[in-house]
Amino acid sequence: MNLFLKNLDNWITKQPKKIEFWGGEPFVYWKIFKPLAESLREKYPDVRFSVITNGSMLTDEIIDWLYNMNFSMAISHD
């Protein structure tokens, strides 16, 4: 993850408007997802975050964190 963040400026030349997390169930990778999103929030403070989840891994901790990070969330039906 550190290498990804270090090289991000080589791939993205201006602040994105939105960053969306999806693919499989993102919260399976909570130990990567959380610090990645926090680092991206620090780098891009005004970006809109969204996540698509099936909801199976949601906990009170994750819901509170999503709220505090100002995420929007969509629930998939698959």
N, C-alpha and C. Protein backbone atom coordinates (compact mmCIF):
# COMPACT_ATOMS: atom_id res chain seq x y z
N MET A 1 0.82 -1.19 0.00
CA MET A 1 0.00 0.00 0.00
C MET A 1 0.87 1.26 0.00
N ASN A 2 1.97 1.25 0.75
CA ASN A 2 2.82 2.43 0.79
C ASN A 2 3.40 2.76 -0.58
N LEU A 3 3.80 1.75 -1.33
CA LEU A 3 4.31 1.97 -2.68
C LEU A 3 3.23 2.56 -3.58
N PHE A 4 2.01 2.04 -3.45
CA PHE A 4 0.88 2.57 -4.21
C PHE A 4 0.69 4.06 -3.91
N LEU A 5 0.64 4.42 -2.64
CA LEU A 5 0.43 5.82 -2.26
C LEU A 5 1.60 6.69 -2.68
N LYS A 6 2.80 6.16 -2.56
CA LYS A 6 3.99 6.92 -2.95
C LYS A 6 3.96 7.26 -4.43
N ASN A 7 3.50 6.35 -5.26
CA ASN A 7 3.48 6.55 -6.71
C ASN A 7 2.19 7.18 -7.23
N LEU A 8 1.24 7.45 -6.36
CA LEU A 8 -0.06 7.96 -6.79
C LEU A 8 0.05 9.25 -7.59
N ASP A 9 0.97 10.12 -7.23
CA ASP A 9 1.13 11.38 -7.96
C ASP A 9 1.60 11.17 -9.39
N ASN A 10 2.19 10.02 -9.68
CA ASN A 10 2.60 9.72 -11.06
C ASN A 10 1.40 9.35 -11.93
N TRP A 11 0.32 8.91 -11.31
CA TRP A 11 -0.86 8.44 -12.05
C TRP A 11 -2.00 9.46 -12.04
N ILE A 12 -2.12 10.20 -10.97
CA ILE A 12 -3.21 11.17 -10.83
C ILE A 12 -2.59 12.55 -10.76
N THR A 13 -2.92 13.39 -11.73
CA THR A 13 -2.27 14.71 -11.81
C THR A 13 -3.06 15.82 -11.13
N LYS A 14 -4.34 15.58 -10.85
CA LYS A 14 -5.12 16.58 -10.11
C LYS A 14 -6.05 15.84 -9.16
N GLN A 15 -6.50 16.54 -8.15
CA GLN A 15 -7.35 15.90 -7.15
C GLN A 15 -8.62 15.35 -7.78
N PRO A 16 -8.92 14.07 -7.52
CA PRO A 16 -10.17 13.51 -8.05
C PRO A 16 -11.37 14.09 -7.32
N LYS A 17 -12.51 14.05 -7.98
CA LYS A 17 -13.76 14.49 -7.35
C LYS A 17 -14.35 13.38 -6.50
N LYS A 18 -14.16 12.13 -6.94
CA LYS A 18 -14.78 10.99 -6.25
C LYS A 18 -13.85 9.79 -6.31
N ILE A 19 -13.80 9.04 -5.21
CA ILE A 19 -13.10 7.76 -5.16
C ILE A 19 -14.11 6.73 -4.69
N GLU A 20 -14.26 5.67 -5.47
CA GLU A 20 -15.24 4.63 -5.17
C GLU A 20 -14.52 3.30 -4.92
N PHE A 21 -14.91 2.65 -3.85
CA PHE A 21 -14.36 1.34 -3.49
C PHE A 21 -15.42 0.29 -3.78
N TRP A 22 -15.06 -0.73 -4.56
CA TRP A 22 -16.00 -1.80 -4.90
C TRP A 22 -15.22 -3.00 -5.40
N GLY A 23 -15.91 -4.04 -5.69
CA GLY A 23 -15.28 -5.26 -6.20
C GLY A 23 -15.23 -6.33 -5.14
N GLY A 24 -15.97 -7.38 -5.31
CA GLY A 24 -16.05 -8.38 -4.24
C GLY A 24 -16.73 -7.72 -3.05
N GLU A 25 -16.28 -8.01 -1.89
CA GLU A 25 -16.78 -7.36 -0.67
C GLU A 25 -15.63 -6.56 -0.07
N PRO A 26 -15.65 -5.23 -0.21
CA PRO A 26 -14.52 -4.41 0.24
C PRO A 26 -14.14 -4.60 1.71
N PHE A 27 -15.13 -4.88 2.56
CA PHE A 27 -14.83 -4.96 3.99
C PHE A 27 -14.15 -6.26 4.40
N VAL A 28 -14.03 -7.21 3.47
CA VAL A 28 -13.20 -8.39 3.73
C VAL A 28 -11.76 -7.93 3.94
N TYR A 29 -11.39 -6.85 3.29
CA TYR A 29 -10.04 -6.30 3.34
C TYR A 29 -9.96 -5.10 4.28
N TRP A 30 -10.72 -5.12 5.36
CA TRP A 30 -10.81 -4.00 6.30
C TRP A 30 -9.44 -3.50 6.75
N LYS A 31 -8.50 -4.40 7.00
CA LYS A 31 -7.18 -4.00 7.50
C LYS A 31 -6.40 -3.21 6.45
N ILE A 32 -6.75 -3.34 5.19
CA ILE A 32 -6.14 -2.56 4.12
C ILE A 32 -7.04 -1.37 3.76
N PHE A 33 -8.33 -1.64 3.67
CA PHE A 33 -9.31 -0.63 3.27
C PHE A 33 -9.25 0.60 4.16
N LYS A 34 -9.27 0.39 5.47
CA LYS A 34 -9.33 1.50 6.43
C LYS A 34 -8.10 2.41 6.32
N PRO A 35 -6.87 1.90 6.44
CA PRO A 35 -5.73 2.82 6.33
C PRO A 35 -5.58 3.43 4.94
N LEU A 36 -5.97 2.70 3.90
CA LEU A 36 -5.90 3.25 2.55
C LEU A 36 -6.83 4.45 2.42
N ALA A 37 -8.08 4.29 2.84
CA ALA A 37 -9.04 5.39 2.75
C ALA A 37 -8.61 6.57 3.62
N GLU A 38 -8.06 6.31 4.79
CA GLU A 38 -7.61 7.39 5.66
C GLU A 38 -6.44 8.15 5.03
N SER A 39 -5.53 7.43 4.39
CA SER A 39 -4.41 8.08 3.69
C SER A 39 -4.90 8.89 2.50
N LEU A 40 -5.86 8.34 1.77
CA LEU A 40 -6.42 9.07 0.64
C LEU A 40 -7.19 10.30 1.10
N ARG A 41 -7.88 10.21 2.22
CA ARG A 41 -8.60 11.37 2.77
C ARG A 41 -7.61 12.46 3.16
N GLU A 42 -6.48 12.07 3.72
CA GLU A 42 -5.45 13.05 4.08
C GLU A 42 -4.89 13.72 2.83
N LYS A 43 -4.65 12.93 1.80
CA LYS A 43 -4.08 13.45 0.56
C LYS A 43 -5.08 14.29 -0.23
N TYR A 44 -6.32 13.85 -0.24
CA TYR A 44 -7.39 14.53 -0.99
C TYR A 44 -8.55 14.87 -0.04
N PRO A 45 -8.42 15.91 0.75
CA PRO A 45 -9.42 16.18 1.80
C PRO A 45 -10.83 16.47 1.29
N ASP A 46 -10.97 16.92 0.05
CA ASP A 46 -12.30 17.28 -0.45
C ASP A 46 -12.95 16.22 -1.33
N VAL A 47 -12.28 15.08 -1.51
CA VAL A 47 -12.81 14.04 -2.38
C VAL A 47 -14.06 13.41 -1.75
N ARG A 48 -14.99 13.00 -2.61
CA ARG A 48 -16.18 12.26 -2.15
C ARG A 48 -15.84 10.78 -2.19
N PHE A 49 -16.08 10.08 -1.11
CA PHE A 49 -15.85 8.65 -1.02
C PHE A 49 -17.17 7.91 -1.12
N SER A 50 -17.15 6.78 -1.81
CA SER A 50 -18.31 5.89 -1.81
C SER A 50 -17.82 4.46 -1.79
N VAL A 51 -18.67 3.58 -1.32
CA VAL A 51 -18.35 2.16 -1.27
C VAL A 51 -19.60 1.38 -1.64
N ILE A 52 -19.40 0.30 -2.37
CA ILE A 52 -20.48 -0.61 -2.71
C ILE A 52 -20.22 -1.91 -1.96
N THR A 53 -21.18 -2.35 -1.18
CA THR A 53 -21.03 -3.51 -0.31
C THR A 53 -22.30 -4.34 -0.34
N ASN A 54 -22.17 -5.62 -0.01
CA ASN A 54 -23.39 -6.42 0.15
C ASN A 54 -23.91 -6.33 1.58
N GLY A 55 -23.16 -5.65 2.44
CA GLY A 55 -23.60 -5.42 3.81
C GLY A 55 -23.30 -6.54 4.78
N SER A 56 -22.77 -7.64 4.30
CA SER A 56 -22.58 -8.81 5.16
C SER A 56 -21.50 -8.61 6.22
N MET A 57 -20.59 -7.67 6.01
CA MET A 57 -19.49 -7.48 6.94
C MET A 57 -19.63 -6.21 7.78
N LEU A 58 -20.75 -5.52 7.64
CA LEU A 58 -20.91 -4.27 8.38
C LEU A 58 -21.02 -4.52 9.88
N THR A 59 -20.32 -3.69 10.63
CA THR A 59 -20.39 -3.71 12.09
C THR A 59 -20.63 -2.28 12.55
N ASP A 60 -20.93 -2.10 13.82
CA ASP A 60 -21.09 -0.75 14.35
C ASP A 60 -19.81 0.07 14.16
N GLU A 61 -18.66 -0.57 14.36
CA GLU A 61 -17.38 0.11 14.18
C GLU A 61 -17.22 0.62 12.75
N ILE A 62 -17.52 -0.22 11.78
CA ILE A 62 -17.38 0.17 10.38
C ILE A 62 -18.39 1.25 10.02
N ILE A 63 -19.62 1.11 10.46
CA ILE A 63 -20.64 2.12 10.17
C ILE A 63 -20.25 3.47 10.75
N ASP A 64 -19.77 3.50 11.99
CA ASP A 64 -19.33 4.76 12.61
C ASP A 64 -18.16 5.36 11.84
N TRP A 65 -17.22 4.52 11.43
CA TRP A 65 -16.07 5.00 10.68
C TRP A 65 -16.50 5.57 9.34
N LEU A 66 -17.39 4.87 8.62
CA LEU A 66 -17.90 5.38 7.34
C LEU A 66 -18.56 6.73 7.51
N TYR A 67 -19.34 6.87 8.55
CA TYR A 67 -20.02 8.14 8.83
C TYR A 67 -18.99 9.25 9.09
N ASN A 68 -18.01 8.95 9.93
CA ASN A 68 -16.99 9.96 10.28
C ASN A 68 -16.10 10.31 9.09
N MET A 69 -15.93 9.38 8.16
CA MET A 69 -15.13 9.63 6.96
C MET A 69 -15.98 10.23 5.83
N ASN A 70 -17.26 10.42 6.10
CA ASN A 70 -18.19 11.03 5.14
C ASN A 70 -18.33 10.20 3.86
N PHE A 71 -18.45 8.89 4.01
CA PHE A 71 -18.67 7.98 2.88
C PHE A 71 -20.14 7.95 2.51
N SER A 72 -20.42 7.77 1.23
CA SER A 72 -21.74 7.33 0.82
C SER A 72 -21.62 5.83 0.59
N MET A 73 -22.74 5.12 0.71
CA MET A 73 -22.69 3.66 0.61
C MET A 73 -23.88 3.17 -0.21
N ALA A 74 -23.60 2.20 -1.06
CA ALA A 74 -24.65 1.52 -1.81
C ALA A 74 -24.60 0.04 -1.40
N ILE A 75 -25.77 -0.55 -1.27
CA ILE A 75 -25.87 -1.95 -0.93
C ILE A 75 -26.21 -2.73 -2.20
N SER A 76 -25.37 -3.69 -2.54
CA SER A 76 -25.65 -4.54 -3.70
C SER A 76 -26.57 -5.67 -3.29
N HIS A 77 -27.21 -6.29 -4.23
CA HIS A 77 -28.17 -7.35 -3.93
C HIS A 77 -27.67 -8.73 -4.32
N ASP A 78 -26.40 -8.85 -4.64
CA ASP A 78 -25.91 -10.15 -5.06
C ASP A 78 -25.29 -10.97 -3.95
